[in-house]
């Protein structure tokens, strides 16, 4: 690695590997990768669940990612058994952030359009504020409460309780599943941030993905049986995108980000995902960008922006760095 590249990535290239922290530009590069890959993934997922059941879509996604990440980890000398102290957070990511959220989201995509789903499930940042305040002691200022209020207003607009056919439970269930997925994502993000890691994201990810696969496989067999799938080049591309990019590269990058940034800042910035998701769904799936969807999206983005600008302001005063040091978390890219 050249000296300019080391200086771009690490705050201090002279420190021991376990003490290094990423520079903000490097974090933003990872954020851009996550936002682009996961945002475009919404129309990809919507296409996939037309041919594969939600549970089996999740199985293909995590099992494919296991292969990709394990090969990368093994080739770089990072495939190792995790220590006991990291097992709780590995289980948390596997059971909740991967297995549970995938099943919830893929099921909801059969009931709710992809563009609306992308916005609702990425309200994660709104729920992160109270969860991080309770478990990590992060201060919830007036600005954050304002952002949370605007975001919740956006969720209400998207949900359209005044226009829903309450005698059609599928629509209501679909929205509820997406919001539940967002809350679970927020909880695991806080857990990732608050845990004192002893291994790197690349060392942890193969075990998280493998555990999720082991959990989902018997569930898929019990509920759907062995799938009968008519494979096409497009469907193969969907599955490869899910495993290699969405659950391999993007998941690894997001975990690195959460271990380097304050939880609220990271999740707020990742709200760019639904923006890309809405635009790509409208362009690729011919979904209609309705007034309600646009208004709800604007409310959510406004709420996120209020919180994001507040966090950036705190960073300039050094408060965020103090909070980071207090949590004593590490992030290493190898």
Foldseek 3Di string as FASTA:
>chain_A
DDPVVCVQFWVDPPDPQFPTAGDPVNLVVLLVLLLQLLLLLLVLLLVQCVFDPQLVLLLLLLVLQLVQLVVVCVVVVQADDFDPLCVVLLQLCQVQVRQLLSSLLSLLSVQDPSLLLQLQLLLLLLLLLVLCCVPVVDDCDPLLVVLSVLLVVLLCLSLPPVPDPVVDVSNVSSSVSSNVNSNSVSNSLSVLQLRADPGALSNSLSSSSVSNSVVSVVVCCVPPNDDDGDDDPSNVVSSNSSHPRNSHSSVSSLSLSSLRFPSSLSSLSSSSSSVSNNVSCCVPVVDDCDPSNVSSNVSNNVSSVSVNVVVVVVVVVVNRVVSSVVSNGGHGDD
